[in-house]
PDB file of N, CA and C in Angstrom:
ATOM      1  N   MET A   1       9.527  15.224  -3.330  1.00  0.00           N
ATOM      2  CA  MET A   1       8.837  14.352  -2.402  1.00  0.00           C
ATOM      3  C   MET A   1       7.959  15.158  -1.452  1.00  0.00           C
ATOM      4  N   LEU A   2       8.525  16.243  -0.934  1.00  0.00           N
ATOM      5  CA  LEU A   2       7.794  17.085   0.013  1.00  0.00           C
ATOM      6  C   LEU A   2       6.575  17.724  -0.653  1.00  0.00           C
ATOM      7  N   ILE A   3       6.775  18.243  -1.850  1.00  0.00           N
ATOM      8  CA  ILE A   3       5.671  18.888  -2.561  1.00  0.00           C
ATOM      9  C   ILE A   3       4.587  17.874  -2.911  1.00  0.00           C
ATOM     10  N   ALA A   4       4.992  16.670  -3.298  1.00  0.00           N
ATOM     11  CA  ALA A   4       4.000  15.634  -3.616  1.00  0.00           C
ATOM     12  C   ALA A   4       3.186  15.261  -2.390  1.00  0.00           C
ATOM     13  N   CYS A   5       3.830  15.205  -1.235  1.00  0.00           N
ATOM     14  CA  CYS A   5       3.123  14.899   0.016  1.00  0.00           C
ATOM     15  C   CYS A   5       2.118  15.998   0.347  1.00  0.00           C
ATOM     16  N   VAL A   6       2.540  17.243   0.225  1.00  0.00           N
ATOM     17  CA  VAL A   6       1.646  18.369   0.525  1.00  0.00           C
ATOM     18  C   VAL A   6       0.487  18.410  -0.466  1.00  0.00           C
ATOM     19  N   MET A   7       0.779  18.191  -1.741  1.00  0.00           N
ATOM     20  CA  MET A   7      -0.299  18.218  -2.738  1.00  0.00           C
ATOM     21  C   MET A   7      -1.267  17.058  -2.527  1.00  0.00           C
ATOM     22  N   GLY A   8      -0.750  15.900  -2.134  1.00  0.00           N
ATOM     23  CA  GLY A   8      -1.623  14.766  -1.846  1.00  0.00           C
ATOM     24  C   GLY A   8      -2.546  15.055  -0.675  1.00  0.00           C
ATOM     25  N   LEU A   9      -2.005  15.652   0.377  1.00  0.00           N
ATOM     26  CA  LEU A   9      -2.839  16.020   1.526  1.00  0.00           C
ATOM     27  C   LEU A   9      -3.867  17.080   1.147  1.00  0.00           C
ATOM     28  N   SER A  10      -3.470  18.021   0.306  1.00  0.00           N
ATOM     29  CA  SER A  10      -4.401  19.061  -0.129  1.00  0.00           C
ATOM     30  C   SER A  10      -5.529  18.475  -0.971  1.00  0.00           C
ATOM     31  N   LEU A  11      -5.187  17.548  -1.852  1.00  0.00           N
ATOM     32  CA  LEU A  11      -6.226  16.894  -2.652  1.00  0.00           C
ATOM     33  C   LEU A  11      -7.161  16.065  -1.783  1.00  0.00           C
ATOM     34  N   ALA A  12      -6.609  15.436  -0.763  1.00  0.00           N
ATOM     35  CA  ALA A  12      -7.452  14.670   0.155  1.00  0.00           C
ATOM     36  C   ALA A  12      -8.408  15.592   0.909  1.00  0.00           C
ATOM     37  N   MET A  13      -7.909  16.737   1.356  1.00  0.00           N
ATOM     38  CA  MET A  13      -8.776  17.698   2.054  1.00  0.00           C
ATOM     39  C   MET A  13      -9.864  18.221   1.122  1.00  0.00           C
ATOM     40  N   ALA A  14      -9.500  18.488  -0.136  1.00  0.00           N
ATOM     41  CA  ALA A  14     -10.489  18.963  -1.102  1.00  0.00           C
ATOM     42  C   ALA A  14     -11.542  17.892  -1.372  1.00  0.00           C
ATOM     43  N   ALA A  15     -11.118  16.641  -1.464  1.00  0.00           N
ATOM     44  CA  ALA A  15     -12.069  15.550  -1.705  1.00  0.00           C
ATOM     45  C   ALA A  15     -13.017  15.371  -0.522  1.00  0.00           C
ATOM     46  N   ILE A  16     -12.482  15.481   0.690  1.00  0.00           N
ATOM     47  CA  ILE A  16     -13.334  15.375   1.880  1.00  0.00           C
ATOM     48  C   ILE A  16     -14.342  16.520   1.909  1.00  0.00           C
ATOM     49  N   THR A  17     -13.880  17.734   1.594  1.00  0.00           N
ATOM     50  CA  THR A  17     -14.779  18.890   1.578  1.00  0.00           C
ATOM     51  C   THR A  17     -15.861  18.718   0.526  1.00  0.00           C
ATOM     52  N   LEU A  18     -15.493  18.232  -0.651  1.00  0.00           N
ATOM     53  CA  LEU A  18     -16.476  18.028  -1.716  1.00  0.00           C
ATOM     54  C   LEU A  18     -17.490  16.965  -1.312  1.00  0.00           C
ATOM     55  N   THR A  19     -17.036  15.902  -0.691  1.00  0.00           N
ATOM     56  CA  THR A  19     -17.943  14.833  -0.256  1.00  0.00           C
ATOM     57  C   THR A  19     -18.913  15.328   0.812  1.00  0.00           C
ATOM     58  N   ILE A  20     -18.396  16.029   1.806  1.00  0.00           N
ATOM     59  CA  ILE A  20     -19.263  16.541   2.872  1.00  0.00           C
ATOM     60  C   ILE A  20     -20.236  17.569   2.315  1.00  0.00           C
ATOM     61  N   GLY A  21     -19.762  18.447   1.444  1.00  0.00           N
ATOM     62  CA  GLY A  21     -20.644  19.442   0.833  1.00  0.00           C
ATOM     63  C   GLY A  21     -21.746  18.801   0.010  1.00  0.00           C
ATOM     64  N   TYR A  22     -21.418  17.742  -0.717  1.00  0.00           N
ATOM     65  CA  TYR A  22     -22.431  17.059  -1.525  1.00  0.00           C
ATOM     66  C   TYR A  22     -23.443  16.331  -0.643  1.00  0.00           C
ATOM     67  N   LEU A  23     -22.969  15.698   0.419  1.00  0.00           N
ATOM     68  CA  LEU A  23     -23.878  14.946   1.276  1.00  0.00           C
ATOM     69  C   LEU A  23     -24.783  15.857   2.109  1.00  0.00           C
ATOM     70  N   THR A  24     -24.268  16.993   2.559  1.00  0.00           N
ATOM     71  CA  THR A  24     -25.077  17.867   3.409  1.00  0.00           C
ATOM     72  C   THR A  24     -26.008  18.767   2.608  1.00  0.00           C
ATOM     73  N   ASN A  25     -25.585  19.203   1.444  1.00  0.00           N
ATOM     74  CA  ASN A  25     -26.402  20.128   0.649  1.00  0.00           C
ATOM     75  C   ASN A  25     -26.111  19.883  -0.832  1.00  0.00           C
ATOM     76  N   PRO A  26     -26.718  18.852  -1.431  1.00  0.00           N
ATOM     77  CA  PRO A  26     -26.385  18.493  -2.816  1.00  0.00           C
ATOM     78  C   PRO A  26     -26.852  19.556  -3.812  1.00  0.00           C
ATOM     79  N   PRO A  27     -26.276  19.545  -5.015  1.00  0.00           N
ATOM     80  CA  PRO A  27     -26.701  20.497  -6.040  1.00  0.00           C
ATOM     81  C   PRO A  27     -28.180  20.311  -6.382  1.00  0.00           C
ATOM     82  N   ARG A  28     -28.840  21.422  -6.611  1.00  0.00           N
ATOM     83  CA  ARG A  28     -30.256  21.382  -6.983  1.00  0.00           C
ATOM     84  C   ARG A  28     -30.524  22.533  -7.935  1.00  0.00           C
ATOM     85  N   PRO A  29     -31.511  22.384  -8.789  1.00  0.00           N
ATOM     86  CA  PRO A  29     -31.788  23.448  -9.755  1.00  0.00           C
ATOM     87  C   PRO A  29     -32.465  24.647  -9.089  1.00  0.00           C
ATOM     88  N   ALA A  30     -32.349  25.785  -9.753  1.00  0.00           N
ATOM     89  CA  ALA A  30     -33.038  26.987  -9.277  1.00  0.00           C
ATOM     90  C   ALA A  30     -34.534  26.820  -9.487  1.00  0.00           C
ATOM     91  N   ARG A  31     -35.322  27.441  -8.601  1.00  0.00           N
ATOM     92  CA  ARG A  31     -36.773  27.289  -8.720  1.00  0.00           C
ATOM     93  C   ARG A  31     -37.476  28.413  -7.981  1.00  0.00           C
ATOM     94  N   TRP A  32     -38.739  28.566  -8.291  1.00  0.00           N
ATOM     95  CA  TRP A  32     -39.599  29.491  -7.561  1.00  0.00           C
ATOM     96  C   TRP A  32     -40.307  28.703  -6.477  1.00  0.00           C
ATOM     97  N   VAL A  33     -40.167  29.161  -5.245  1.00  0.00           N
ATOM     98  CA  VAL A  33     -40.758  28.459  -4.110  1.00  0.00           C
ATOM     99  C   VAL A  33     -42.023  29.211  -3.685  1.00  0.00           C
ATOM    100  N   PRO A  34     -43.154  28.502  -3.576  1.00  0.00           N
ATOM    101  CA  PRO A  34     -44.361  29.189  -3.134  1.00  0.00           C
ATOM    102  C   PRO A  34     -44.213  29.664  -1.690  1.00  0.00           C
ATOM    103  N   ASN A  35     -44.681  30.856  -1.445  1.00  0.00           N
ATOM    104  CA  ASN A  35     -44.594  31.437  -0.107  1.00  0.00           C
ATOM    105  C   ASN A  35     -45.629  30.781   0.802  1.00  0.00           C
ATOM    106  N   PRO A  36     -45.226  30.362   2.011  1.00  0.00           N
ATOM    107  CA  PRO A  36     -46.205  29.719   2.894  1.00  0.00           C
ATOM    108  C   PRO A  36     -47.281  30.686   3.402  1.00  0.00           C
ATOM    109  N   ARG A  37     -46.988  31.980   3.376  1.00  0.00           N
ATOM    110  CA  ARG A  37     -47.992  32.958   3.812  1.00  0.00           C
ATOM    111  C   ARG A  37     -48.958  33.231   2.674  1.00  0.00           C
ATOM    112  N   PRO A  38     -50.233  33.157   2.944  1.00  0.00           N
ATOM    113  CA  PRO A  38     -51.198  33.412   1.859  1.00  0.00           C
ATOM    114  C   PRO A  38     -51.152  34.870   1.407  1.00  0.00           C
ATOM    115  N   GLY A  39     -51.298  35.057   0.097  1.00  0.00           N
ATOM    116  CA  GLY A  39     -51.307  36.404  -0.472  1.00  0.00           C
ATOM    117  C   GLY A  39     -49.943  36.973  -0.753  1.00  0.00           C
ATOM    118  N   ARG A  40     -48.875  36.275  -0.389  1.00  0.00           N
ATOM    119  CA  ARG A  40     -47.509  36.769  -0.659  1.00  0.00           C
ATOM    120  C   ARG A  40     -46.995  36.130  -1.936  1.00  0.00           C
ATOM    121  N   SER A  41     -46.131  36.848  -2.616  1.00  0.00           N
ATOM    122  CA  SER A  41     -45.597  36.319  -3.871  1.00  0.00           C
ATOM    123  C   SER A  41     -44.524  35.264  -3.590  1.00  0.00           C
ATOM    124  N   PRO A  42     -44.357  34.331  -4.512  1.00  0.00           N
ATOM    125  CA  PRO A  42     -43.319  33.314  -4.312  1.00  0.00           C
ATOM    126  C   PRO A  42     -41.925  33.939  -4.350  1.00  0.00           C
ATOM    127  N   TYR A  43     -40.980  33.251  -3.768  1.00  0.00           N
ATOM    128  CA  TYR A  43     -39.614  33.771  -3.783  1.00  0.00           C
ATOM    129  C   TYR A  43     -38.716  32.838  -4.600  1.00  0.00           C
ATOM    130  N   TYR A  44     -37.622  33.410  -5.062  1.00  0.00           N
ATOM    131  CA  TYR A  44     -36.709  32.691  -5.956  1.00  0.00           C
ATOM    132  C   TYR A  44     -35.590  32.048  -5.145  1.00  0.00           C
ATOM    133  N   ASP A  45     -35.445  30.748  -5.297  1.00  0.00           N
ATOM    134  CA  ASP A  45     -34.340  30.012  -4.689  1.00  0.00           C
ATOM    135  C   ASP A  45     -33.330  29.744  -5.805  1.00  0.00           C
ATOM    136  N   ARG A  46     -32.154  30.335  -5.696  1.00  0.00           N
ATOM    137  CA  ARG A  46     -31.188  30.228  -6.800  1.00  0.00           C
ATOM    138  C   ARG A  46     -30.587  28.850  -6.930  1.00  0.00           C
ATOM    139  N   GLY A  47     -30.885  27.969  -5.995  1.00  0.00           N
ATOM    140  CA  GLY A  47     -30.369  26.608  -6.091  1.00  0.00           C
ATOM    141  C   GLY A  47     -28.915  26.544  -5.694  1.00  0.00           C
ATOM    142  N   ARG A  48     -28.320  25.437  -6.030  1.00  0.00           N
ATOM    143  CA  ARG A  48     -26.900  25.235  -5.709  1.00  0.00           C
ATOM    144  C   ARG A  48     -26.293  24.434  -6.850  1.00  0.00           C
ATOM    145  N   SER A  49     -25.228  24.962  -7.396  1.00  0.00           N
ATOM    146  CA  SER A  49     -24.609  24.307  -8.546  1.00  0.00           C
ATOM    147  C   SER A  49     -23.341  23.564  -8.111  1.00  0.00           C
ATOM    148  N   TRP A  50     -22.813  22.790  -9.035  1.00  0.00           N
ATOM    149  CA  TRP A  50     -21.546  22.103  -8.791  1.00  0.00           C
ATOM    150  C   TRP A  50     -20.411  23.102  -8.631  1.00  0.00           C
ATOM    151  N   THR A  51     -20.563  24.272  -9.244  1.00  0.00           N
ATOM    152  CA  THR A  51     -19.510  25.283  -9.146  1.00  0.00           C
ATOM    153  C   THR A  51     -19.308  25.717  -7.704  1.00  0.00           C
ATOM    154  N   ASP A  52     -20.413  25.880  -6.954  1.00  0.00           N
ATOM    155  CA  ASP A  52     -20.296  26.256  -5.543  1.00  0.00           C
ATOM    156  C   ASP A  52     -19.492  25.213  -4.769  1.00  0.00           C
ATOM    157  N   LEU A  53     -19.808  23.954  -4.993  1.00  0.00           N
ATOM    158  CA  LEU A  53     -19.108  22.883  -4.281  1.00  0.00           C
ATOM    159  C   LEU A  53     -17.636  22.804  -4.683  1.00  0.00           C
ATOM    160  N   LEU A  54     -17.373  22.904  -5.986  1.00  0.00           N
ATOM    161  CA  LEU A  54     -15.990  22.787  -6.466  1.00  0.00           C
ATOM    162  C   LEU A  54     -15.136  23.968  -6.019  1.00  0.00           C
ATOM    163  N   CYS A  55     -15.710  25.161  -6.012  1.00  0.00           N
ATOM    164  CA  CYS A  55     -14.947  26.335  -5.556  1.00  0.00           C
ATOM    165  C   CYS A  55     -14.602  26.217  -4.079  1.00  0.00           C
ATOM    166  N   ARG A  56     -15.548  25.766  -3.276  1.00  0.00           N
ATOM    167  CA  ARG A  56     -15.274  25.600  -1.852  1.00  0.00           C
ATOM    168  C   ARG A  56     -14.207  24.527  -1.633  1.00  0.00           C
ATOM    169  N   ALA A  57     -14.281  23.424  -2.374  1.00  0.00           N
ATOM    170  CA  ALA A  57     -13.284  22.359  -2.227  1.00  0.00           C
ATOM    171  C   ALA A  57     -11.903  22.852  -2.666  1.00  0.00           C
ATOM    172  N   ALA A  58     -11.835  23.626  -3.745  1.00  0.00           N
ATOM    173  CA  ALA A  58     -10.547  24.160  -4.201  1.00  0.00           C
ATOM    174  C   ALA A  58      -9.974  25.136  -3.177  1.00  0.00           C
ATOM    175  N   LEU A  59     -10.830  25.950  -2.571  1.00  0.00           N
ATOM    176  CA  LEU A  59     -10.362  26.898  -1.563  1.00  0.00           C
ATOM    177  C   LEU A  59      -9.798  26.167  -0.351  1.00  0.00           C
ATOM    178  N   VAL A  60     -10.480  25.131   0.107  1.00  0.00           N
ATOM    179  CA  VAL A  60      -9.979  24.354   1.250  1.00  0.00           C
ATOM    180  C   VAL A  60      -8.677  23.657   0.892  1.00  0.00           C
ATOM    181  N   GLY A  61      -8.588  23.108  -0.317  1.00  0.00           N
ATOM    182  CA  GLY A  61      -7.354  22.452  -0.740  1.00  0.00           C
ATOM    183  C   GLY A  61      -6.173  23.408  -0.787  1.00  0.00           C
ATOM    184  N   LEU A  62      -6.387  24.595  -1.359  1.00  0.00           N
ATOM    185  CA  LEU A  62      -5.299  25.574  -1.429  1.00  0.00           C
ATOM    186  C   LEU A  62      -4.924  26.093  -0.047  1.00  0.00           C
ATOM    187  N   ALA A  63      -5.924  26.369   0.779  1.00  0.00           N
ATOM    188  CA  ALA A  63      -5.629  26.869   2.121  1.00  0.00           C
ATOM    189  C   ALA A  63      -4.871  25.831   2.936  1.00  0.00           C
ATOM    190  N   SER A  64      -5.274  24.570   2.832  1.00  0.00           N
ATOM    191  CA  SER A  64      -4.558  23.542   3.590  1.00  0.00           C
ATOM    192  C   SER A  64      -3.129  23.384   3.066  1.00  0.00           C
ATOM    193  N   MET A  65      -2.938  23.549   1.749  1.00  0.00           N
ATOM    194  CA  MET A  65      -1.591  23.446   1.200  1.00  0.00           C
ATOM    195  C   MET A  65      -0.708  24.576   1.751  1.00  0.00           C
ATOM    196  N   PHE A  66      -1.232  25.792   1.776  1.00  0.00           N
ATOM    197  CA  PHE A  66      -0.425  26.914   2.255  1.00  0.00           C
ATOM    198  C   PHE A  66      -0.180  26.848   3.757  1.00  0.00           C
ATOM    199  N   PHE A  67      -1.076  26.194   4.505  1.00  0.00           N
ATOM    200  CA  PHE A  67      -0.838  26.032   5.932  1.00  0.00           C
ATOM    201  C   PHE A  67       0.069  24.843   6.230  1.00  0.00           C
ATOM    202  N   LEU A  68       0.067  23.830   5.375  1.00  0.00           N
ATOM    203  CA  LEU A  68       0.880  22.640   5.628  1.00  0.00           C
ATOM    204  C   LEU A  68       2.339  22.816   5.211  1.00  0.00           C
ATOM    205  N   ILE A  69       2.595  23.599   4.170  1.00  0.00           N
ATOM    206  CA  ILE A  69       3.972  23.734   3.671  1.00  0.00           C
ATOM    207  C   ILE A  69       4.924  24.257   4.750  1.00  0.00           C
ATOM    208  N   PRO A  70       4.608  25.354   5.474  1.00  0.00           N
ATOM    209  CA  PRO A  70       5.565  25.814   6.505  1.00  0.00           C
ATOM    210  C   PRO A  70       5.776  24.789   7.614  1.00  0.00           C
ATOM    211  N   GLY A  71       4.722  24.086   8.015  1.00  0.00           N
ATOM    212  CA  GLY A  71       4.877  23.086   9.068  1.00  0.00           C
ATOM    213  C   GLY A  71       5.755  21.936   8.644  1.00  0.00           C
ATOM    214  N   ILE A  72       5.576  21.460   7.423  1.00  0.00           N
ATOM    215  CA  ILE A  72       6.401  20.346   6.936  1.00  0.00           C
ATOM    216  C   ILE A  72       7.849  20.797   6.739  1.00  0.00           C
ATOM    217  N   LEU A  73       8.046  22.023   6.252  1.00  0.00           N
ATOM    218  CA  LEU A  73       9.414  22.529   6.116  1.00  0.00           C
ATOM    219  C   LEU A  73      10.083  22.679   7.477  1.00  0.00           C
ATOM    220  N   LEU A  74       9.327  23.113   8.467  1.00  0.00           N
ATOM    221  CA  LEU A  74       9.887  23.239   9.812  1.00  0.00           C
ATOM    222  C   LEU A  74      10.270  21.874  10.365  1.00  0.00           C
ATOM    223  N   LEU A  75       9.417  20.877  10.156  1.00  0.00           N
ATOM    224  CA  LEU A  75       9.751  19.525  10.613  1.00  0.00           C
ATOM    225  C   LEU A  75      10.992  18.986   9.898  1.00  0.00           C
ATOM    226  N   ALA A  76      11.104  19.256   8.607  1.00  0.00           N
ATOM    227  CA  ALA A  76      12.281  18.806   7.862  1.00  0.00           C
ATOM    228  C   ALA A  76      13.552  19.503   8.365  1.00  0.00           C
ATOM    229  N   PHE A  77      13.423  20.794   8.681  1.00  0.00           N
ATOM    230  CA  PHE A  77      14.586  21.527   9.204  1.00  0.00           C
ATOM    231  C   PHE A  77      14.999  20.989  10.561  1.00  0.00           C
ATOM    232  N   VAL A  78      14.025  20.734  11.431  1.00  0.00           N
ATOM    233  CA  VAL A  78      14.341  20.201  12.764  1.00  0.00           C
ATOM    234  C   VAL A  78      14.959  18.812  12.642  1.00  0.00           C
ATOM    235  N   GLY A  79      14.431  17.983  11.756  1.00  0.00           N
ATOM    236  CA  GLY A  79      15.010  16.660  11.555  1.00  0.00           C
ATOM    237  C   GLY A  79      16.421  16.729  11.014  1.00  0.00           C
ATOM    238  N   GLY A  80      16.646  17.626  10.065  1.00  0.00           N
ATOM    239  CA  GLY A  80      17.997  17.781   9.514  1.00  0.00           C
ATOM    240  C   GLY A  80      18.962  18.345  10.529  1.00  0.00           C
ATOM    241  N   ALA A  81      18.498  19.286  11.346  1.00  0.00           N
ATOM    242  CA  ALA A  81      19.379  19.885  12.353  1.00  0.00           C
ATOM    243  C   ALA A  81      19.727  18.873  13.441  1.00  0.00           C
ATOM    244  N   SER A  82      18.764  18.041  13.824  1.00  0.00           N
ATOM    245  CA  SER A  82      19.055  17.073  14.889  1.00  0.00           C
ATOM    246  C   SER A  82      19.998  15.980  14.391  1.00  0.00           C
ATOM    247  N   SER A  83      19.878  15.591  13.130  1.00  0.00           N
ATOM    248  CA  SER A  83      20.799  14.572  12.623  1.00  0.00           C
ATOM    249  C   SER A  83      22.184  15.162  12.363  1.00  0.00           C
ATOM    250  N   ALA A  84      22.253  16.448  12.051  1.00  0.00           N
ATOM    251  CA  ALA A  84      23.553  17.080  11.835  1.00  0.00           C
ATOM    252  C   ALA A  84      24.284  17.298  13.157  1.00  0.00           C
ATOM    253  N   ALA A  85      23.537  17.423  14.252  1.00  0.00           N
ATOM    254  CA  ALA A  85      24.172  17.658  15.552  1.00  0.00           C
ATOM    255  C   ALA A  85      24.759  16.386  16.146  1.00  0.00           C
ATOM    256  N   LYS A  86      24.368  15.227  15.671  1.00  0.00           N
ATOM    257  CA  LYS A  86      24.885  13.962  16.198  1.00  0.00           C
ATOM    258  C   LYS A  86      26.274  13.700  15.629  1.00  0.00           C
ATOM    259  N   PRO A  87      27.119  13.079  16.429  1.00  0.00           N
ATOM    260  CA  PRO A  87      28.447  12.726  15.883  1.00  0.00           C
ATOM    261  C   PRO A  87      28.294  11.647  14.809  1.00  0.00           C
ATOM    262  N   PRO A  88      29.167  11.623  13.834  1.00  0.00           N
ATOM    263  CA  PRO A  88      29.057  10.610  12.777  1.00  0.00           C
ATOM    264  C   PRO A  88      29.218   9.206  13.344  1.00  0.00           C
ATOM    265  N   HIS A  89      28.473   8.298  12.778  1.00  0.00           N
ATOM    266  CA  HIS A  89      28.508   6.900  13.213  1.00  0.00           C
ATOM    267  C   HIS A  89      29.733   6.222  12.615  1.00  0.00           C
ATOM    268  N   THR A  90      30.544   5.636  13.456  1.00  0.00           N
ATOM    269  CA  THR A  90      31.733   4.942  12.983  1.00  0.00           C
ATOM    270  C   THR A  90      31.560   3.454  13.164  1.00  0.00           C
ATOM    271  N   HIS A  91      32.092   2.707  12.249  1.00  0.00           N
ATOM    272  CA  HIS A  91      32.030   1.249  12.327  1.00  0.00           C
ATOM    273  C   HIS A  91      33.321   0.717  12.913  1.00  0.00           C
ATOM    274  N   HIS A  92      33.229  -0.113  13.952  1.00  0.00           N
ATOM    275  CA  HIS A  92      34.442  -0.696  14.577  1.00  0.00           C
ATOM    276  C   HIS A  92      34.498  -2.167  14.299  1.00  0.00           C
TER     277      HIS A  92
END
């Protein structure tokens, strides 16, 4: 359950990163751009591929997973410790 929650959050973070990356700087083909200065040679714009976006989204997803796992485990430990410290509930 814990791992599924962390993986779900990581996938959500990766999806948000992919969406923002696509909206702010979508993939475009490589091209030669004419130089605005006269007499200068054009320069090469390597473009942006889907690989750039997917790699960044995967990196954010993995990083968020590795940062979320210790926090969720700590919360689970604190919850378990606080319930173990309470006296057992008796029915009268």
